[in-house]
Protein backbone atom coordinates (compact mmCIF):
# COMPACT_ATOMS: atom_id res chain seq x y z
CA MET A 1 93.08 70.87 45.82
CA VAL A 2 95.93 73.22 44.97
CA ALA A 3 99.32 72.05 43.65
CA LEU A 4 102.39 73.94 42.47
CA ASP A 5 105.14 72.66 40.14
CA SER A 6 108.73 73.80 39.97
CA ALA A 7 107.88 76.44 37.37
CA GLY A 8 105.10 77.88 39.49
CA ALA A 9 102.14 76.42 37.58
CA VAL A 10 98.98 76.13 39.66
CA PHE A 11 96.61 73.16 39.63
CA LEU A 12 93.05 73.58 40.85
CA GLY A 13 90.61 70.77 41.51
CA SER A 14 90.70 67.72 39.26
CA LYS A 15 90.59 69.36 35.81
CA PRO A 16 93.59 69.84 33.49
CA VAL A 17 95.08 73.29 33.78
CA ARG A 18 96.93 75.18 31.03
CA ALA A 19 99.63 77.34 32.49
CA VAL A 20 101.42 80.06 30.55
CA TYR A 21 104.97 80.83 31.54
CA ARG A 22 108.02 82.43 29.98
CA GLY A 23 109.02 80.43 26.92
CA GLY A 24 105.65 78.77 26.16
CA SER A 25 102.76 76.96 27.75
CA LYS A 26 101.93 73.48 28.87
CA VAL A 27 98.88 71.46 29.81
CA TRP A 28 99.29 69.39 32.93
CA PRO A 29 97.07 66.33 33.43
CA ALA A 30 94.22 66.27 35.86
CA ILE A 31 95.11 65.80 39.49
CA PRO A 32 92.98 63.18 41.26
CA VAL A 33 91.03 64.54 44.20
CA ALA A 34 90.25 62.06 46.94
CA PRO A 35 86.63 62.09 48.13
CA PRO A 36 86.09 63.33 51.67
CA PRO A 37 86.16 60.62 54.33
CA PRO A 38 82.79 59.31 55.47
CA PRO A 39 81.48 60.71 58.75
CA PRO A 40 82.26 58.56 61.79
CA ALA A 41 79.70 55.92 62.50
CA GLU A 42 77.24 56.68 65.26
CA PRO A 43 77.78 54.56 68.36
CA THR A 44 75.43 51.67 68.83
CA CYS A 45 73.66 50.59 71.96
CA THR A 46 72.57 46.98 72.11
CA LEU A 47 70.38 45.22 74.64
CA ASP A 48 73.53 43.52 75.89
CA ASP A 49 75.05 46.99 76.50
CA VAL A 50 72.04 47.92 78.61
CA VAL A 51 72.24 44.71 80.63
CA HIS A 52 76.00 45.23 81.03
CA ASP A 53 75.30 48.53 82.79
CA MET A 54 73.93 46.59 85.76
CA TYR A 55 74.61 42.89 85.38
CA GLY A 56 77.79 41.01 84.65
CA ALA A 57 80.26 38.71 86.38
CA PRO A 58 78.43 38.51 89.71
CA LEU A 59 79.89 40.62 92.46
CA ARG A 60 77.06 40.02 94.91
CA HIS A 61 75.59 36.61 95.58
CA ASP A 62 72.92 37.16 98.22
CA THR A 63 69.21 37.36 97.50
CA LYS A 64 69.13 41.14 97.72
CA PHE A 65 71.79 41.68 95.05
CA PRO A 66 71.57 38.75 92.62
CA GLY A 67 73.89 39.03 89.64
CA TRP A 68 74.86 42.69 89.85
CA GLY A 69 78.35 43.03 88.45
CA ALA A 70 81.65 44.71 89.26
CA HIS A 71 82.63 48.13 87.92
CA GLU A 72 85.08 48.15 85.03
CA ALA A 73 87.40 49.93 87.48
CA ALA A 74 86.93 50.89 91.11
CA LEU A 75 86.24 54.54 91.90
CA ALA A 76 88.78 56.80 93.58
CA GLY A 77 87.21 59.21 96.05
CA VAL A 78 84.53 56.74 97.21
CA ASN A 79 84.74 55.08 100.62
CA VAL A 80 86.18 51.59 100.07
CA GLY A 81 83.77 50.23 102.67
CA TRP A 82 80.67 51.33 100.79
CA ASP A 83 78.63 48.62 99.14
CA TRP A 84 78.92 50.22 95.69
CA TYR A 85 82.65 50.95 95.80
CA ALA A 86 83.53 47.86 93.76
CA GLY A 87 80.37 47.22 91.79
CA ALA A 88 76.76 47.92 90.98
CA ARG A 89 74.10 48.08 93.68
CA PRO A 90 70.38 47.92 92.97
CA GLY A 91 67.94 50.22 94.68
CA PRO A 92 64.21 50.13 95.35
CA ARG A 93 61.93 49.41 92.43
CA PRO A 94 60.12 52.57 91.25
CA ASN A 95 56.79 53.16 93.02
CA ASP A 96 56.82 49.71 94.58
CA SER A 97 56.39 49.45 98.37
CA THR A 98 57.22 45.72 98.36
CA ASN A 99 60.93 46.13 97.55
CA PRO A 100 62.91 44.56 100.43
CA GLY A 101 65.47 46.51 102.39
CA PHE A 102 64.00 49.99 102.00
CA GLU A 103 61.52 50.04 104.87
CA GLY A 104 58.47 49.61 102.70
CA ILE A 105 58.54 53.23 101.51
CA THR A 106 56.80 54.03 98.24
CA TYR A 107 58.84 56.41 96.08
CA THR A 108 56.61 58.11 93.55
CA HIS A 109 58.99 60.53 91.75
CA HIS A 110 62.52 60.56 90.39
CA ASN A 111 65.17 62.78 88.87
CA VAL A 112 68.22 62.15 86.64
CA TRP A 113 71.90 62.32 87.52
CA GLY A 114 75.27 61.45 86.11
CA GLN A 115 78.58 60.89 87.80
CA VAL A 116 82.24 60.52 86.79
CA ALA A 117 85.18 59.52 88.97
CA PRO A 118 88.88 58.92 88.49
CA ALA A 119 89.69 55.21 88.51
CA ALA A 120 91.33 53.95 91.69
CA GLY A 121 95.03 53.47 91.23
CA GLY A 122 95.61 56.50 89.04
CA THR A 123 94.07 58.33 86.12
CA GLY A 124 96.95 58.37 83.64
CA GLU A 125 96.25 61.34 81.36
CA ARG A 126 94.45 64.03 83.37
CA ARG A 127 94.06 66.82 80.81
CA VAL A 128 90.55 65.74 79.88
CA ARG A 129 86.98 66.88 79.84
CA VAL A 130 83.95 64.62 79.90
CA GLN A 131 81.54 65.25 77.07
CA VAL A 132 77.97 64.36 78.01
CA ASP A 133 75.23 63.68 75.51
CA LEU A 134 71.60 64.66 75.93
CA PRO A 135 70.03 62.43 78.61
CA GLU A 136 66.82 60.66 77.68
CA VAL A 137 64.17 59.34 80.08
CA TYR A 138 61.49 56.83 79.16
CA HIS A 139 58.68 55.20 81.14
CA LEU A 140 56.95 51.89 80.50
CA ASP A 141 53.55 52.09 82.12
CA ALA A 142 51.83 49.02 83.52
CA GLY A 143 50.27 47.06 80.67
CA ALA A 144 51.78 49.29 77.97
CA THR A 145 53.36 47.83 74.84
CA ALA A 146 55.75 50.71 74.19
CA TRP A 147 57.95 53.11 76.16
CA ARG A 148 56.95 56.76 76.31
CA ARG A 149 59.51 59.57 76.32
CA VAL A 150 59.18 61.85 79.34
CA ARG A 151 62.46 63.83 79.21
CA GLY A 152 65.11 64.61 76.64
CA THR A 153 65.08 68.14 75.25
CA ARG A 154 67.78 70.65 74.43
CA GLU A 155 66.66 72.68 77.41
CA ASP A 156 67.20 69.74 79.76
CA VAL A 157 70.85 69.43 78.82
CA LYS A 158 71.51 73.07 79.71
CA ASN A 159 70.30 72.69 83.28
CA PHE A 160 73.15 71.19 85.28
CA GLU A 161 73.82 71.52 88.99
CA GLY A 162 76.00 69.52 91.32
CA GLY A 163 79.47 69.33 92.76
CA TYR A 164 82.55 67.30 93.54
CA TRP A 165 82.53 64.80 96.40
CA SER A 166 85.34 62.87 98.06
CA GLY A 167 86.51 61.20 101.26
CA ALA A 168 85.24 58.63 103.72
CA ASN A 169 81.98 60.51 104.23
CA TYR A 170 81.64 61.52 100.58
CA SER A 171 81.68 65.19 101.55
CA LYS A 172 81.38 67.94 99.00
CA VAL A 173 84.70 69.44 97.87
CA ARG A 174 83.02 72.28 96.05
CA ALA A 175 79.92 73.08 94.05
CA MET A 176 79.96 73.09 90.27
CA SER A 177 79.90 76.43 88.49
CA ALA A 178 77.84 76.89 85.36
CA SER A 179 80.39 79.39 84.06
CA THR A 180 83.53 77.33 84.63
CA ASP A 181 82.46 73.69 84.77
CA PHE A 182 80.15 73.48 81.79
CA ARG A 183 80.32 74.60 78.20
CA THR A 184 78.80 73.74 74.86
CA GLU A 185 81.12 71.81 72.58
CA ALA A 186 81.72 73.36 69.14
CA ASP A 187 81.54 70.13 67.15
CA GLY A 188 78.09 70.43 65.69
CA HIS A 189 76.40 68.99 68.77
CA SER A 190 74.70 70.84 71.59
CA TRP A 191 76.23 68.82 74.41
CA ASP A 192 77.95 70.28 77.43
CA ALA A 193 81.36 69.20 78.70
CA LEU A 194 82.17 68.55 82.32
CA PRO A 195 85.80 69.08 83.32
CA LEU A 196 87.21 67.15 86.25
CA THR A 197 88.84 69.74 88.48
CA THR A 198 89.78 70.46 92.04
CA ALA A 199 88.74 73.52 93.99
CA THR A 200 91.87 75.27 92.72
CA GLY A 201 91.15 74.45 89.09
CA GLY A 202 93.60 71.59 88.59
CA PRO A 203 92.68 68.05 87.55
CA SER A 204 91.33 65.91 90.34
CA THR A 205 92.68 62.48 91.20
CA SER A 206 90.35 61.68 94.07
CA SER A 207 87.00 63.42 93.75
CA VAL A 208 83.78 62.30 92.11
CA GLY A 209 81.95 64.74 89.87
CA HIS A 210 78.23 64.23 90.46
CA TRP A 211 75.62 66.36 88.71
CA PHE A 212 71.86 66.56 88.48
CA TYR A 213 69.56 67.86 85.78
CA SER A 214 67.68 70.67 87.44
CA GLY A 215 65.44 70.64 84.36
CA CYS A 216 63.92 67.54 85.98
CA TYR A 217 62.33 69.62 88.73
CA PRO A 218 59.60 69.30 89.85
CA ARG A 219 60.47 65.61 90.05
CA ILE A 220 59.29 63.26 87.34
CA PRO A 221 56.18 61.36 88.54
CA ILE A 222 56.21 57.56 88.40
CA PRO A 223 52.76 55.99 88.00
CA VAL A 224 52.21 52.79 89.97
CA GLY A 225 53.73 49.81 88.20
CA THR A 226 55.81 51.93 85.79
CA GLN A 227 59.35 50.95 84.83
CA VAL A 228 62.01 53.61 84.23
CA ALA A 229 64.78 53.80 81.61
CA ILE A 230 67.50 56.48 81.52
CA HIS A 231 70.03 56.67 78.70
CA THR A 232 72.86 58.86 77.49
CA ARG A 233 76.39 58.54 76.13
CA MET A 234 79.70 60.01 77.27
CA ARG A 235 83.26 60.28 75.99
CA LEU A 236 86.57 61.97 76.81
CA VAL A 237 87.72 65.10 75.00
CA SER A 238 90.65 67.42 75.60
CA ASP A 239 91.71 70.99 74.93
CA HIS A 240 95.29 69.74 74.49
CA PRO A 241 96.24 68.29 71.06
CA ASP A 242 98.98 66.15 72.62
CA ALA A 243 96.72 64.63 75.29
CA ASP A 244 96.78 60.82 75.26
CA LEU A 245 93.11 60.02 75.79
CA GLY A 246 93.88 56.32 75.61
CA ALA A 247 95.92 56.65 78.81
CA ALA A 248 93.14 58.39 80.77
CA ARG A 249 91.26 56.27 83.30
CA PHE A 250 87.93 57.69 84.39
CA VAL A 251 84.70 55.82 85.02
CA GLY A 252 81.12 57.02 84.87
CA ALA A 253 77.47 56.06 85.20
CA PHE A 254 73.97 57.49 84.76
CA CYS A 255 70.90 56.92 86.92
CA GLY A 256 68.48 58.89 89.14
CA ASP A 257 67.25 59.32 92.70
CA LEU A 258 63.83 58.48 94.10
CA TYR A 259 61.54 60.81 96.08
CA THR A 260 58.28 60.54 97.96
CA SER A 261 56.71 63.58 96.28
CA ALA A 262 57.23 66.10 93.48
CA THR A 263 58.96 68.64 95.70
CA THR A 264 60.55 66.92 98.71
CA THR A 265 64.31 66.59 98.62
CA VAL A 266 64.56 63.58 100.94
CA GLY A 267 62.46 60.51 101.51
CA SER A 268 60.42 60.04 104.66
CA ASN A 269 63.21 57.79 105.96
CA GLY A 270 65.63 60.72 105.88
CA ARG A 271 67.16 60.04 102.51
CA ASN A 272 66.37 59.97 98.83
CA PRO A 273 67.86 56.68 97.63
CA PRO A 274 69.22 56.23 94.12
CA MET A 275 67.26 53.95 91.85
CA ALA A 276 70.56 52.08 91.65
CA GLN A 277 74.29 52.52 91.49
CA PRO A 278 74.90 51.09 88.02
CA ARG A 279 78.16 49.50 86.97
CA HIS A 280 80.63 52.31 86.35
CA LYS A 281 82.29 51.97 82.95
CA LEU A 282 85.56 53.36 81.64
CA LEU A 283 85.29 56.46 79.47
CA THR A 284 87.17 56.51 76.17
CA ALA A 285 87.71 58.89 73.27
CA GLN A 286 84.78 57.14 71.56
CA TRP A 287 81.18 57.56 72.61
CA ARG A 288 79.99 54.82 74.98
CA PRO A 289 76.35 54.28 76.01
CA PHE A 290 75.37 54.60 79.67
CA SER A 291 71.98 53.38 80.82
CA TYR A 292 69.80 52.49 83.75
CA VAL A 293 66.70 50.33 83.32
CA SER A 294 64.65 49.15 86.29
CA GLY A 295 64.07 45.45 86.72
CA THR A 296 65.96 42.17 86.73
CA GLU A 297 68.01 41.03 83.77
CA ALA A 298 65.21 38.70 82.70
CA GLU A 299 62.67 41.53 82.93
CA ILE A 300 64.87 43.95 80.96
CA ARG A 301 65.25 41.39 78.19
CA SER A 302 61.48 40.82 78.12
CA TYR A 303 60.41 44.48 77.93
CA PRO A 304 59.15 46.03 74.68
CA ALA A 305 62.00 47.37 72.55
CA LEU A 306 63.85 50.19 74.28
CA PRO A 307 63.84 53.31 72.06
CA PHE A 308 67.61 53.82 72.34
CA VAL A 309 68.58 50.22 71.58
CA ASP A 310 69.69 49.41 68.03
């Protein structure tokens, strides 16, 4: 700490300082120095947070979608007639040919993706970037008593690919550029930030940013009977000091797609279905956890402790 009195005496730190000036000298008392503030607390992720990422106030009541909840806000840029426009939608169970509604296809591999969209009805503050934490992938093998980590390295977080989608057919607006759409944040972490932009570089109000981790190629194999857990955290940041992050309204989710082999890009039914469309949650200036865990709510609560749950 440095202080200066009217005569030009200098105070350093918290010790008394004798200053000599024209006409004599004087000892000024010590100046208290406040301790530095504690670092911000790390965000927590509880089992209820994990369940909240799929289940909540029921949106769907039929036997195929029991208990899957509504998004915290609907997604702009997604067809309003789609079955995940307003809320979560489960997908086929990993490597399980008995899952109804998916033609009995066995999906033996998966990848990891994330997605962020403006909230329907307006975004408020648009001068934002989405900061994405390192994604982690865990498997719980049949009969195992603990989850094993299968992805989650610094190299994985560097390998993004994807684009922006919008419209009734969810068509691609443009691809993402590694040089313009991603960067490493200079805050002591190694995360990359994803800006929400249009093809001309301005903020988007109607397109969904959807990205994959190309570091998950070849696809991650799923042994028979294995459950899958994917976890990360996201928050809003801005390059503009006057940006009101509290006024921004963007929603996001994390999950993965399923594949029939390590290298095919579509399933044998002509598509590679997502493991789910989780509930999309609002992004804030604070880190929030985003997860996908396969299984029903009762199963998720009965699994061995998830490594990312506090």
